[in-house]
């Protein structure tokens, strides 16, 4: 049963993996100058971008992270929400996709920080006021915590996407007529909850990336 349950996260097209094509959907939805006149969608997106940019600039002083963090937010949010539609593949439920988003961002920050500000990065490994006896242990803990950051980012995103979709799959299998009255409201509530989770996980990913960049001088 568990094998068939988790197989729902695999792209199921036989002739061509059309479900993987959903990953290019942000490229279709993100352009701003597609229409001649401003629509409610572009106005809403402008307001959302303003709020996100204010949040990012509160977390980090690097202006370069504004575009990168905002783009990452839109890509993850759209891919998460597109997976809620029927017959669509949730790409962010696979660790190979989520870690391919987290690892390059983390490596970029680490390479830039250690190449440009080596002394400051070494100082950052030891918190201020640490007793002499536990200094080596604190350095090891800081290095370990820094190394596992891309894994924690990817696992958090993958686990949250899998958990909600598993619940929806289990409830979807209960399709008896006498149970539909009880199952349908739960499914509707779970769909709303998953929509909120899709947005929250994209926001958490963006916020953590911007916070990681704030540690670089």
N, C-alpha and C. Protein backbone atom coordinates (compact mmCIF):
# COMPACT_ATOMS: atom_id res chain seq x y z
N UNK A 1 0.83 -1.21 0.00
CA UNK A 1 0.00 0.00 0.00
C UNK A 1 0.86 1.25 0.00
N UNK A 2 1.93 1.22 0.80
CA UNK A 2 2.78 2.41 0.88
C UNK A 2 3.48 2.71 -0.43
N UNK A 3 3.85 1.64 -1.17
CA UNK A 3 4.51 1.85 -2.46
C UNK A 3 3.57 2.53 -3.44
N UNK A 4 2.31 2.07 -3.47
CA UNK A 4 1.35 2.69 -4.38
C UNK A 4 0.97 4.09 -3.92
N UNK A 5 1.05 4.35 -2.61
CA UNK A 5 0.70 5.66 -2.09
C UNK A 5 1.74 6.70 -2.49
N UNK A 6 3.02 6.38 -2.31
CA UNK A 6 4.07 7.32 -2.66
C UNK A 6 4.30 7.40 -4.16
N UNK A 7 3.79 6.44 -4.91
CA UNK A 7 3.94 6.50 -6.36
C UNK A 7 3.10 7.61 -6.96
N UNK A 8 2.19 8.17 -6.18
CA UNK A 8 1.40 9.30 -6.68
C UNK A 8 2.24 10.54 -6.88
N UNK A 9 3.46 10.57 -6.33
CA UNK A 9 4.35 11.71 -6.49
C UNK A 9 5.27 11.54 -7.70
N UNK A 10 5.14 10.46 -8.43
CA UNK A 10 5.94 10.24 -9.63
C UNK A 10 5.19 10.74 -10.85
N UNK A 11 5.88 11.37 -11.78
CA UNK A 11 5.20 11.78 -13.03
C UNK A 11 4.71 10.55 -13.77
N UNK A 12 3.45 10.58 -14.19
CA UNK A 12 2.80 9.35 -14.68
C UNK A 12 2.51 9.37 -16.17
N UNK A 13 3.04 10.30 -16.92
CA UNK A 13 2.81 10.30 -18.35
C UNK A 13 3.65 9.22 -19.02
N UNK A 14 3.09 8.53 -20.01
CA UNK A 14 3.78 7.42 -20.66
C UNK A 14 4.56 7.88 -21.89
N UNK A 15 3.93 8.65 -22.75
CA UNK A 15 4.59 9.04 -23.99
C UNK A 15 5.65 10.11 -23.75
N UNK A 16 5.31 11.10 -22.96
CA UNK A 16 6.24 12.21 -22.71
C UNK A 16 5.95 12.77 -21.32
N UNK A 17 6.98 13.10 -20.59
CA UNK A 17 6.79 13.55 -19.22
C UNK A 17 6.26 14.99 -19.21
N UNK A 18 4.97 15.11 -19.52
CA UNK A 18 4.36 16.44 -19.57
C UNK A 18 4.28 17.09 -18.20
N UNK A 19 4.22 16.26 -17.15
CA UNK A 19 4.13 16.83 -15.82
C UNK A 19 5.37 17.64 -15.46
N UNK A 20 6.52 17.25 -15.99
CA UNK A 20 7.73 18.01 -15.73
C UNK A 20 7.67 19.39 -16.39
N UNK A 21 6.83 19.52 -17.43
CA UNK A 21 6.71 20.81 -18.09
C UNK A 21 6.07 21.87 -17.20
N UNK A 22 5.44 21.40 -16.09
CA UNK A 22 4.84 22.36 -15.17
C UNK A 22 5.90 23.22 -14.49
N UNK A 23 7.14 22.80 -14.52
CA UNK A 23 8.19 23.59 -13.86
C UNK A 23 8.50 24.88 -14.61
N UNK A 24 8.12 24.97 -15.87
CA UNK A 24 8.34 26.21 -16.62
C UNK A 24 7.16 27.16 -16.48
N UNK A 25 6.13 26.77 -15.71
CA UNK A 25 4.96 27.64 -15.54
C UNK A 25 5.30 28.99 -14.92
N UNK A 26 6.27 29.09 -13.98
CA UNK A 26 6.61 30.45 -13.49
C UNK A 26 7.12 31.36 -14.59
N UNK A 27 7.79 30.82 -15.59
CA UNK A 27 8.28 31.66 -16.68
C UNK A 27 7.15 32.24 -17.51
N UNK A 28 6.01 31.54 -17.52
CA UNK A 28 4.85 32.02 -18.26
C UNK A 28 4.08 33.06 -17.44
N UNK A 29 4.04 32.88 -16.12
CA UNK A 29 3.21 33.73 -15.27
C UNK A 29 3.93 34.97 -14.76
N UNK A 30 5.27 34.94 -14.72
CA UNK A 30 6.00 36.04 -14.11
C UNK A 30 6.13 37.30 -14.96
N UNK A 31 6.22 37.24 -16.31
CA UNK A 31 6.44 38.47 -17.08
C UNK A 31 5.39 39.54 -16.81
N UNK A 32 5.85 40.78 -16.65
CA UNK A 32 4.95 41.88 -16.29
C UNK A 32 4.39 42.61 -17.50
N UNK A 33 5.10 42.65 -18.62
CA UNK A 33 4.73 43.49 -19.75
C UNK A 33 4.05 42.67 -20.86
N UNK A 34 3.31 41.66 -20.48
CA UNK A 34 2.64 40.84 -21.49
C UNK A 34 1.42 41.55 -22.05
N UNK A 35 0.62 42.18 -21.17
CA UNK A 35 -0.59 42.86 -21.60
C UNK A 35 -0.31 44.35 -21.78
N UNK A 36 -1.06 44.97 -22.66
CA UNK A 36 -0.90 46.40 -22.91
C UNK A 36 -1.40 47.22 -21.73
N UNK A 37 -2.50 46.81 -21.13
CA UNK A 37 -3.06 47.53 -20.00
C UNK A 37 -2.82 46.74 -18.71
N UNK A 38 -2.75 47.45 -17.61
CA UNK A 38 -2.56 46.81 -16.33
C UNK A 38 -3.85 46.10 -15.90
N UNK A 39 -3.71 44.89 -15.46
CA UNK A 39 -4.85 44.12 -15.00
C UNK A 39 -4.81 44.00 -13.48
N UNK A 40 -5.85 43.39 -12.92
CA UNK A 40 -5.86 43.17 -11.48
C UNK A 40 -4.75 42.22 -11.05
N UNK A 41 -4.39 41.29 -11.94
CA UNK A 41 -3.30 40.37 -11.63
C UNK A 41 -1.96 41.11 -11.50
N UNK A 42 -1.68 42.05 -12.43
CA UNK A 42 -0.43 42.79 -12.35
C UNK A 42 -0.41 43.75 -11.16
N UNK A 43 -1.56 44.34 -10.84
CA UNK A 43 -1.62 45.23 -9.68
C UNK A 43 -1.40 44.44 -8.39
N UNK A 44 -2.01 43.26 -8.31
CA UNK A 44 -1.82 42.44 -7.12
C UNK A 44 -0.37 41.98 -7.00
N UNK A 45 0.23 41.65 -8.14
CA UNK A 45 1.62 41.20 -8.11
C UNK A 45 2.56 42.34 -7.72
N UNK A 46 2.24 43.55 -8.16
CA UNK A 46 3.04 44.71 -7.77
C UNK A 46 2.99 44.95 -6.26
N UNK A 47 1.79 44.82 -5.69
CA UNK A 47 1.67 45.01 -4.25
C UNK A 47 2.40 43.91 -3.49
N UNK A 48 2.32 42.68 -4.01
CA UNK A 48 3.02 41.57 -3.37
C UNK A 48 4.53 41.75 -3.45
N UNK A 49 5.01 42.23 -4.59
CA UNK A 49 6.45 42.47 -4.74
C UNK A 49 6.94 43.56 -3.80
N UNK A 50 6.12 44.56 -3.59
CA UNK A 50 6.50 45.64 -2.67
C UNK A 50 6.63 45.12 -1.25
N UNK A 51 5.66 44.30 -0.83
CA UNK A 51 5.71 43.74 0.52
C UNK A 51 6.91 42.81 0.68
N UNK A 52 7.16 41.98 -0.34
CA UNK A 52 8.28 41.04 -0.25
C UNK A 52 9.62 41.77 -0.23
N UNK A 53 9.74 42.79 -1.06
CA UNK A 53 11.00 43.55 -1.10
C UNK A 53 11.28 44.23 0.24
N UNK A 54 10.24 44.75 0.89
CA UNK A 54 10.43 45.35 2.21
C UNK A 54 10.87 44.31 3.23
N UNK A 55 10.29 43.11 3.13
CA UNK A 55 10.66 42.04 4.06
C UNK A 55 12.10 41.59 3.84
N UNK A 56 12.51 41.48 2.60
CA UNK A 56 13.88 41.04 2.31
C UNK A 56 14.89 42.08 2.77
N UNK A 57 14.62 43.34 2.52
CA UNK A 57 15.56 44.39 2.90
C UNK A 57 15.64 44.56 4.42
N UNK A 58 14.61 44.11 5.15
CA UNK A 58 14.70 44.09 6.61
C UNK A 58 15.60 42.97 7.11
N UNK A 59 15.72 41.90 6.31
CA UNK A 59 16.52 40.75 6.71
C UNK A 59 17.99 40.86 6.31
N UNK A 60 18.28 41.54 5.22
CA UNK A 60 19.65 41.60 4.73
C UNK A 60 19.93 42.99 4.16
N UNK A 61 21.20 43.34 4.13
CA UNK A 61 21.61 44.62 3.58
C UNK A 61 22.12 44.50 2.15
N UNK A 62 22.18 43.27 1.63
CA UNK A 62 22.67 43.05 0.27
C UNK A 62 21.52 43.25 -0.73
N UNK A 63 21.62 44.28 -1.52
CA UNK A 63 20.56 44.56 -2.48
C UNK A 63 20.51 43.50 -3.59
N UNK A 64 21.62 42.81 -3.82
CA UNK A 64 21.64 41.78 -4.86
C UNK A 64 20.70 40.63 -4.53
N UNK A 65 20.43 40.40 -3.23
CA UNK A 65 19.56 39.30 -2.82
C UNK A 65 18.10 39.59 -3.06
N UNK A 66 17.76 40.84 -3.35
CA UNK A 66 16.36 41.20 -3.54
C UNK A 66 15.76 40.45 -4.73
N UNK A 67 16.41 40.54 -5.89
CA UNK A 67 15.90 39.89 -7.08
C UNK A 67 15.97 38.37 -6.97
N UNK A 68 17.05 37.86 -6.40
CA UNK A 68 17.22 36.41 -6.32
C UNK A 68 16.22 35.79 -5.36
N UNK A 69 16.04 36.40 -4.19
CA UNK A 69 15.10 35.86 -3.21
C UNK A 69 13.66 35.97 -3.70
N UNK A 70 13.33 37.08 -4.35
CA UNK A 70 11.98 37.24 -4.86
C UNK A 70 11.68 36.25 -5.99
N UNK A 71 12.65 36.02 -6.87
CA UNK A 71 12.47 35.04 -7.94
C UNK A 71 12.29 33.64 -7.38
N UNK A 72 13.08 33.30 -6.34
CA UNK A 72 12.96 32.00 -5.71
C UNK A 72 11.59 31.83 -5.05
N UNK A 73 11.08 32.91 -4.46
CA UNK A 73 9.76 32.86 -3.84
C UNK A 73 8.68 32.55 -4.86
N UNK A 74 8.71 33.24 -5.99
CA UNK A 74 7.69 33.03 -7.02
C UNK A 74 7.79 31.63 -7.62
N UNK A 75 9.01 31.16 -7.88
CA UNK A 75 9.18 29.84 -8.49
C UNK A 75 8.63 28.75 -7.58
N UNK A 76 8.99 28.80 -6.29
CA UNK A 76 8.53 27.77 -5.36
C UNK A 76 7.03 27.86 -5.13
N UNK A 77 6.51 29.08 -4.97
CA UNK A 77 5.08 29.22 -4.71
C UNK A 77 4.24 28.72 -5.87
N UNK A 78 4.60 29.08 -7.09
CA UNK A 78 3.81 28.67 -8.25
C UNK A 78 3.90 27.16 -8.45
N UNK A 79 5.08 26.57 -8.28
CA UNK A 79 5.20 25.13 -8.42
C UNK A 79 4.44 24.38 -7.33
N UNK A 80 4.44 24.92 -6.11
CA UNK A 80 3.67 24.30 -5.05
C UNK A 80 2.18 24.33 -5.34
N UNK A 81 1.70 25.49 -5.80
CA UNK A 81 0.26 25.64 -6.03
C UNK A 81 -0.21 24.92 -7.28
N UNK A 82 0.64 24.82 -8.30
CA UNK A 82 0.25 24.09 -9.50
C UNK A 82 0.08 22.60 -9.21
N UNK A 83 0.79 22.09 -8.20
CA UNK A 83 0.64 20.69 -7.84
C UNK A 83 -0.70 20.37 -7.20
N UNK A 84 -1.48 21.38 -6.82
CA UNK A 84 -2.79 21.14 -6.23
C UNK A 84 -3.86 20.88 -7.28
N UNK A 85 -3.58 21.21 -8.53
CA UNK A 85 -4.56 20.97 -9.59
C UNK A 85 -4.54 19.50 -10.00
N UNK A 86 -5.66 18.98 -10.46
CA UNK A 86 -5.69 17.56 -10.84
C UNK A 86 -4.75 17.26 -12.01
N UNK A 87 -4.14 16.09 -11.94
CA UNK A 87 -3.26 15.56 -12.99
C UNK A 87 -2.01 16.40 -13.18
N UNK A 88 -1.63 17.15 -12.18
CA UNK A 88 -0.39 17.92 -12.24
C UNK A 88 0.62 17.32 -11.26
N UNK A 89 1.87 17.49 -11.60
CA UNK A 89 2.96 16.91 -10.81
C UNK A 89 3.56 17.97 -9.90
N UNK A 90 3.67 17.68 -8.60
CA UNK A 90 4.28 18.60 -7.65
C UNK A 90 5.78 18.38 -7.65
N UNK A 91 6.49 19.21 -8.38
CA UNK A 91 7.94 18.99 -8.53
C UNK A 91 8.68 19.22 -7.22
N UNK A 92 8.20 20.12 -6.37
CA UNK A 92 8.91 20.42 -5.12
C UNK A 92 8.75 19.32 -4.08
N UNK A 93 7.96 18.31 -4.36
CA UNK A 93 7.86 17.16 -3.44
C UNK A 93 9.00 16.18 -3.63
N UNK A 94 9.86 16.40 -4.62
CA UNK A 94 11.03 15.55 -4.86
C UNK A 94 12.27 16.22 -4.30
N UNK A 95 13.08 15.50 -3.51
CA UNK A 95 14.32 16.10 -2.98
C UNK A 95 15.28 16.56 -4.05
N UNK A 96 15.26 15.91 -5.21
CA UNK A 96 16.18 16.31 -6.28
C UNK A 96 15.88 17.72 -6.77
N UNK A 97 14.62 18.12 -6.73
CA UNK A 97 14.26 19.48 -7.16
C UNK A 97 14.52 20.49 -6.05
N UNK A 98 14.11 20.17 -4.84
CA UNK A 98 14.25 21.12 -3.74
C UNK A 98 15.72 21.37 -3.39
N UNK A 99 16.55 20.32 -3.44
CA UNK A 99 17.96 20.53 -3.12
C UNK A 99 18.68 21.25 -4.26
N UNK A 100 18.17 21.11 -5.48
CA UNK A 100 18.77 21.85 -6.60
C UNK A 100 18.43 23.34 -6.53
N UNK A 101 17.42 23.71 -5.75
CA UNK A 101 17.13 25.12 -5.49
C UNK A 101 17.95 25.66 -4.32
N UNK A 102 18.12 24.83 -3.28
CA UNK A 102 18.79 25.30 -2.07
C UNK A 102 20.31 25.28 -2.19
N UNK A 103 20.85 24.22 -2.78
CA UNK A 103 22.31 24.06 -2.80
C UNK A 103 23.04 25.15 -3.59
N UNK A 104 22.60 25.52 -4.80
CA UNK A 104 23.32 26.60 -5.51
C UNK A 104 23.27 27.94 -4.78
N UNK A 105 22.12 28.25 -4.15
CA UNK A 105 22.05 29.51 -3.40
C UNK A 105 23.01 29.52 -2.22
N UNK A 106 23.06 28.40 -1.49
CA UNK A 106 23.97 28.31 -0.35
C UNK A 106 25.43 28.35 -0.79
N UNK A 107 25.76 27.64 -1.85
CA UNK A 107 27.14 27.63 -2.34
C UNK A 107 27.56 29.01 -2.83
N UNK A 108 26.63 29.73 -3.46
CA UNK A 108 26.94 31.08 -3.93
C UNK A 108 27.29 31.98 -2.75
N UNK A 109 26.49 31.92 -1.68
CA UNK A 109 26.75 32.76 -0.52
C UNK A 109 28.07 32.38 0.16
N UNK A 110 28.33 31.07 0.28
CA UNK A 110 29.55 30.62 0.94
C UNK A 110 30.80 31.00 0.13
N UNK A 111 30.74 30.81 -1.16
CA UNK A 111 31.90 31.14 -1.99
C UNK A 111 32.19 32.64 -1.96
N UNK A 112 31.15 33.43 -2.04
CA UNK A 112 31.34 34.88 -2.02
C UNK A 112 31.88 35.33 -0.66
N UNK A 113 31.30 34.79 0.42
CA UNK A 113 31.72 35.20 1.75
C UNK A 113 33.15 34.79 2.08
N UNK A 114 33.52 33.54 1.78
CA UNK A 114 34.85 33.06 2.13
C UNK A 114 35.93 33.62 1.21
N UNK A 115 35.58 33.96 0.00
CA UNK A 115 36.58 34.53 -0.90
C UNK A 115 36.81 36.02 -0.65
N UNK A 116 35.76 36.75 -0.29
CA UNK A 116 35.87 38.21 -0.12
C UNK A 116 36.11 38.62 1.34
N UNK A 117 35.53 37.89 2.28
CA UNK A 117 35.58 38.27 3.70
C UNK A 117 35.98 37.07 4.54
N UNK A 118 37.14 36.53 4.27
CA UNK A 118 37.59 35.32 4.96
C UNK A 118 37.73 35.54 6.46
N UNK A 119 38.31 36.66 6.85
CA UNK A 119 38.52 36.93 8.28
C UNK A 119 37.20 37.08 9.01
N UNK A 120 36.26 37.80 8.43
CA UNK A 120 34.96 37.99 9.08
C UNK A 120 34.18 36.67 9.17
N UNK A 121 34.30 35.81 8.16
CA UNK A 121 33.62 34.52 8.20
C UNK A 121 34.22 33.61 9.28
N UNK A 122 35.54 33.69 9.47
CA UNK A 122 36.16 32.91 10.55
C UNK A 122 35.73 33.42 11.92
N UNK A 123 35.64 34.73 12.06
CA UNK A 123 35.18 35.31 13.33
C UNK A 123 33.75 34.91 13.62
N UNK A 124 32.93 34.79 12.57
CA UNK A 124 31.52 34.45 12.75
C UNK A 124 31.32 33.03 13.29
N UNK A 125 32.32 32.18 13.14
CA UNK A 125 32.21 30.80 13.62
C UNK A 125 32.22 30.71 15.14
N UNK A 126 32.67 31.74 15.82
CA UNK A 126 32.75 31.72 17.28
C UNK A 126 31.91 32.86 17.84
N UNK A 127 30.78 32.54 18.49
CA UNK A 127 29.93 33.60 19.06
C UNK A 127 30.66 34.40 20.13
N UNK A 128 30.28 35.65 20.26
CA UNK A 128 30.91 36.54 21.24
C UNK A 128 30.58 36.09 22.66
N UNK A 129 31.57 36.09 23.52
CA UNK A 129 31.38 35.73 24.92
C UNK A 129 31.42 34.24 25.21
N UNK A 130 31.90 33.43 24.28
CA UNK A 130 31.98 31.99 24.49
C UNK A 130 33.12 31.67 25.45
N UNK A 131 32.87 30.85 26.49
CA UNK A 131 33.97 30.47 27.40
C UNK A 131 35.07 29.71 26.66
N UNK A 132 36.28 29.82 27.18
CA UNK A 132 37.44 29.20 26.53
C UNK A 132 37.33 27.68 26.47
N UNK A 133 36.69 27.07 27.45
CA UNK A 133 36.63 25.62 27.51
C UNK A 133 35.81 25.02 26.37
N UNK A 134 34.77 25.72 25.96
CA UNK A 134 33.88 25.16 24.93
C UNK A 134 34.06 25.82 23.57
N UNK A 135 35.11 26.59 23.39
CA UNK A 135 35.35 27.23 22.10
C UNK A 135 35.51 26.23 20.95
N UNK A 136 36.33 25.16 21.11
CA UNK A 136 36.43 24.20 20.00
C UNK A 136 35.11 23.54 19.66
N UNK A 137 34.30 23.22 20.70
CA UNK A 137 33.01 22.58 20.44
C UNK A 137 32.07 23.53 19.71
N UNK A 138 32.08 24.81 20.08
CA UNK A 138 31.20 25.78 19.42
C UNK A 138 31.59 25.97 17.96
N UNK A 139 32.89 25.95 17.67
CA UNK A 139 33.33 26.08 16.28
C UNK A 139 32.85 24.89 15.45
N UNK A 140 32.95 23.68 16.02
CA UNK A 140 32.49 22.48 15.32
C UNK A 140 30.99 22.54 15.09
N UNK A 141 30.24 23.00 16.11
CA UNK A 141 28.78 23.09 15.98
C UNK A 141 28.39 24.11 14.91
N UNK A 142 29.08 25.26 14.88
CA UNK A 142 28.78 26.28 13.89
C UNK A 142 29.09 25.80 12.47
N UNK A 143 30.20 25.09 12.31
CA UNK A 143 30.56 24.57 10.98
C UNK A 143 29.53 23.53 10.53
N UNK A 144 29.15 22.63 11.45
CA UNK A 144 28.16 21.60 11.12
C UNK A 144 26.82 22.22 10.76
N UNK A 145 26.38 23.20 11.55
CA UNK A 145 25.11 23.86 11.26
C UNK A 145 25.12 24.60 9.94
N UNK A 146 26.28 25.14 9.59
CA UNK A 146 26.40 25.83 8.30
C UNK A 146 26.36 24.86 7.13
N UNK A 147 26.96 23.69 7.32
CA UNK A 147 27.01 22.72 6.22
C UNK A 147 25.64 22.10 5.94
N UNK A 148 24.84 21.88 6.99
CA UNK A 148 23.56 21.20 6.80
C UNK A 148 22.43 22.17 6.41
N UNK A 149 22.74 23.43 6.21
CA UNK A 149 21.69 24.39 5.84
C UNK A 149 20.98 24.04 4.54
N UNK A 150 21.69 23.70 3.45
CA UNK A 150 20.94 23.34 2.23
C UNK A 150 20.08 22.10 2.40
N UNK A 151 20.54 21.14 3.22
CA UNK A 151 19.74 19.94 3.47
C UNK A 151 18.48 20.28 4.25
N UNK A 152 18.62 21.15 5.26
CA UNK A 152 17.44 21.53 6.04
C UNK A 152 16.43 22.30 5.21
N UNK A 153 16.92 23.17 4.31
CA UNK A 153 16.01 23.91 3.43
C UNK A 153 15.24 22.97 2.51
N UNK A 154 15.95 22.03 1.89
CA UNK A 154 15.30 21.13 0.93
C UNK A 154 14.38 20.14 1.62
N UNK A 155 14.80 19.58 2.76
CA UNK A 155 13.98 18.59 3.47
C UNK A 155 12.72 19.24 4.02
N UNK A 156 12.83 20.47 4.52
CA UNK A 156 11.64 21.17 5.03
C UNK A 156 10.61 21.36 3.92
N UNK A 157 11.06 21.80 2.77
CA UNK A 157 10.14 22.02 1.65
C UNK A 157 9.53 20.71 1.17
N UNK A 158 10.35 19.68 1.01
CA UNK A 158 9.87 18.39 0.50
C UNK A 158 8.90 17.74 1.48
N UNK A 159 9.24 17.74 2.77
CA UNK A 159 8.39 17.08 3.77
C UNK A 159 7.03 17.75 3.88
N UNK A 160 6.99 19.06 3.83
CA UNK A 160 5.70 19.75 3.94
C UNK A 160 4.84 19.52 2.71
N UNK A 161 5.44 19.43 1.54
CA UNK A 161 4.67 19.17 0.33
C UNK A 161 4.15 17.72 0.31
N UNK A 162 4.97 16.78 0.76
CA UNK A 162 4.55 15.38 0.75
C UNK A 162 3.45 15.12 1.78
N UNK A 163 3.57 15.74 2.97
CA UNK A 163 2.62 15.44 4.06
C UNK A 163 1.19 15.80 3.66
N UNK A 164 0.99 16.99 3.15
CA UNK A 164 -0.36 17.40 2.77
C UNK A 164 -0.91 16.62 1.59
N UNK A 165 -0.06 16.32 0.61
CA UNK A 165 -0.53 15.59 -0.55
C UNK A 165 -0.85 14.14 -0.21
N UNK A 166 -0.16 13.58 0.78
CA UNK A 166 -0.49 12.22 1.23
C UNK A 166 -1.87 12.20 1.88
N UNK A 167 -2.16 13.22 2.68
CA UNK A 167 -3.49 13.29 3.29
C UNK A 167 -4.58 13.42 2.23
N UNK A 168 -4.35 14.22 1.21
CA UNK A 168 -5.33 14.38 0.14
C UNK A 168 -5.48 13.08 -0.65
N UNK A 169 -4.39 12.35 -0.84
CA UNK A 169 -4.47 11.07 -1.55
C UNK A 169 -5.27 10.05 -0.76
N UNK A 170 -5.04 10.00 0.57
CA UNK A 170 -5.77 9.06 1.41
C UNK A 170 -7.26 9.37 1.43
N UNK A 171 -7.60 10.66 1.55
CA UNK A 171 -9.01 11.04 1.55
C UNK A 171 -9.64 10.84 0.18
N UNK A 172 -8.84 10.99 -0.88
CA UNK A 172 -9.38 10.79 -2.22
C UNK A 172 -9.73 9.34 -2.51
N UNK A 173 -9.10 8.41 -1.79
CA UNK A 173 -9.41 7.00 -1.99
C UNK A 173 -10.74 6.60 -1.35
N UNK A 174 -11.23 7.42 -0.44
CA UNK A 174 -12.53 7.14 0.20
C UNK A 174 -13.64 7.75 -0.64
N UNK A 175 -14.00 7.09 -1.71
CA UNK A 175 -14.97 7.64 -2.65
C UNK A 175 -16.32 6.93 -2.60
N UNK A 176 -16.64 6.34 -1.46
CA UNK A 176 -17.96 5.73 -1.33
C UNK A 176 -19.04 6.81 -1.24
N UNK A 177 -20.19 6.51 -1.79
CA UNK A 177 -21.29 7.49 -1.82
C UNK A 177 -21.74 7.84 -0.41
N UNK A 178 -21.78 6.86 0.47
CA UNK A 178 -22.28 7.12 1.83
C UNK A 178 -21.30 7.91 2.69
N UNK A 179 -20.06 8.04 2.24
CA UNK A 179 -19.06 8.80 2.99
C UNK A 179 -18.75 10.15 2.38
N UNK A 180 -19.27 10.44 1.20
CA UNK A 180 -18.91 11.66 0.50
C UNK A 180 -19.36 12.91 1.25
N UNK A 181 -20.45 12.80 2.03
CA UNK A 181 -20.95 13.95 2.78
C UNK A 181 -19.96 14.36 3.85
N UNK A 182 -19.26 13.40 4.42
CA UNK A 182 -18.30 13.70 5.48
C UNK A 182 -16.92 14.01 4.91
N UNK A 183 -16.57 13.36 3.80
CA UNK A 183 -15.23 13.52 3.25
C UNK A 183 -15.07 14.82 2.49
N UNK A 184 -16.13 15.26 1.78
CA UNK A 184 -16.03 16.45 0.94
C UNK A 184 -15.68 17.72 1.72
N UNK A 185 -16.32 18.01 2.86
CA UNK A 185 -15.89 19.22 3.61
C UNK A 185 -14.46 19.14 4.10
N UNK A 186 -14.02 17.93 4.48
CA UNK A 186 -12.64 17.78 4.93
C UNK A 186 -11.68 18.02 3.78
N UNK A 187 -12.02 17.51 2.60
CA UNK A 187 -11.17 17.73 1.43
C UNK A 187 -11.10 19.21 1.05
N UNK A 188 -12.21 19.90 1.14
CA UNK A 188 -12.22 21.33 0.83
C UNK A 188 -11.37 22.12 1.83
N UNK A 189 -11.49 21.78 3.12
CA UNK A 189 -10.66 22.44 4.11
C UNK A 189 -9.19 22.13 3.94
N UNK A 190 -8.90 20.87 3.59
CA UNK A 190 -7.50 20.49 3.38
C UNK A 190 -6.91 21.16 2.15
N UNK A 191 -7.73 21.37 1.12
CA UNK A 191 -7.26 22.08 -0.06
C UNK A 191 -6.91 23.53 0.27
N UNK A 192 -7.74 24.18 1.08
CA UNK A 192 -7.43 25.55 1.51
C UNK A 192 -6.17 25.58 2.37
N UNK A 193 -6.04 24.57 3.23
CA UNK A 193 -4.86 24.50 4.09
C UNK A 193 -3.59 24.28 3.26
N UNK A 194 -3.67 23.44 2.24
CA UNK A 194 -2.51 23.18 1.39
C UNK A 194 -2.13 24.41 0.56
N UNK A 195 -3.13 25.19 0.16
CA UNK A 195 -2.84 26.44 -0.55
C UNK A 195 -2.04 27.40 0.33
N UNK A 196 -2.46 27.49 1.60
CA UNK A 196 -1.73 28.34 2.54
C UNK A 196 -0.32 27.80 2.79
N UNK A 197 -0.19 26.48 2.91
CA UNK A 197 1.12 25.87 3.13
C UNK A 197 2.04 26.13 1.94
N UNK A 198 1.50 26.11 0.72
CA UNK A 198 2.31 26.36 -0.47
C UNK A 198 2.91 27.76 -0.43
N UNK A 199 2.12 28.73 0.00
CA UNK A 199 2.62 30.11 0.08
C UNK A 199 3.59 30.26 1.25
N UNK A 200 3.26 29.64 2.38
CA UNK A 200 4.10 29.79 3.58
C UNK A 200 5.48 29.17 3.36
N UNK A 201 5.53 27.99 2.72
CA UNK A 201 6.81 27.33 2.50
C UNK A 201 7.70 28.13 1.55
N UNK A 202 7.10 28.75 0.54
CA UNK A 202 7.89 29.63 -0.33
C UNK A 202 8.40 30.84 0.44
N UNK A 203 7.58 31.38 1.32
CA UNK A 203 7.99 32.52 2.14
C UNK A 203 9.11 32.14 3.11
N UNK A 204 8.99 30.96 3.73
CA UNK A 204 10.03 30.50 4.66
C UNK A 204 11.36 30.29 3.93
N UNK A 205 11.31 29.68 2.75
CA UNK A 205 12.52 29.46 1.96
C UNK A 205 13.19 30.79 1.62
N UNK A 206 12.39 31.75 1.17
CA UNK A 206 12.93 33.07 0.81
C UNK A 206 13.51 33.78 2.03
N UNK A 207 12.82 33.72 3.16
CA UNK A 207 13.28 34.40 4.37
C UNK A 207 14.58 33.81 4.89
N UNK A 208 14.69 32.49 4.88
CA UNK A 208 15.91 31.85 5.38
C UNK A 208 17.11 32.17 4.48
N UNK A 209 16.89 32.18 3.16
CA UNK A 209 17.98 32.52 2.25
C UNK A 209 18.46 33.96 2.49
N UNK A 210 17.53 34.86 2.68
CA UNK A 210 17.92 36.26 2.93
C UNK A 210 18.60 36.42 4.29
N UNK A 211 18.17 35.63 5.29
CA UNK A 211 18.82 35.67 6.59
C UNK A 211 20.24 35.10 6.53
N UNK A 212 20.42 34.05 5.74
CA UNK A 212 21.77 33.50 5.57
C UNK A 212 22.70 34.52 4.92
N UNK A 213 22.17 35.29 3.99
CA UNK A 213 23.01 36.30 3.32
C UNK A 213 23.36 37.45 4.26
N UNK A 214 22.55 37.66 5.30
CA UNK A 214 22.84 38.76 6.24
C UNK A 214 24.06 38.47 7.09
N UNK A 215 24.49 37.20 7.17
CA UNK A 215 25.68 36.86 7.93
C UNK A 215 26.96 37.22 7.20
N UNK A 216 26.85 37.52 5.92
CA UNK A 216 28.02 37.91 5.13
C UNK A 216 28.21 39.42 5.24
N UNK A 217 29.40 39.91 5.57
CA UNK A 217 29.63 41.36 5.72
C UNK A 217 29.34 42.12 4.43
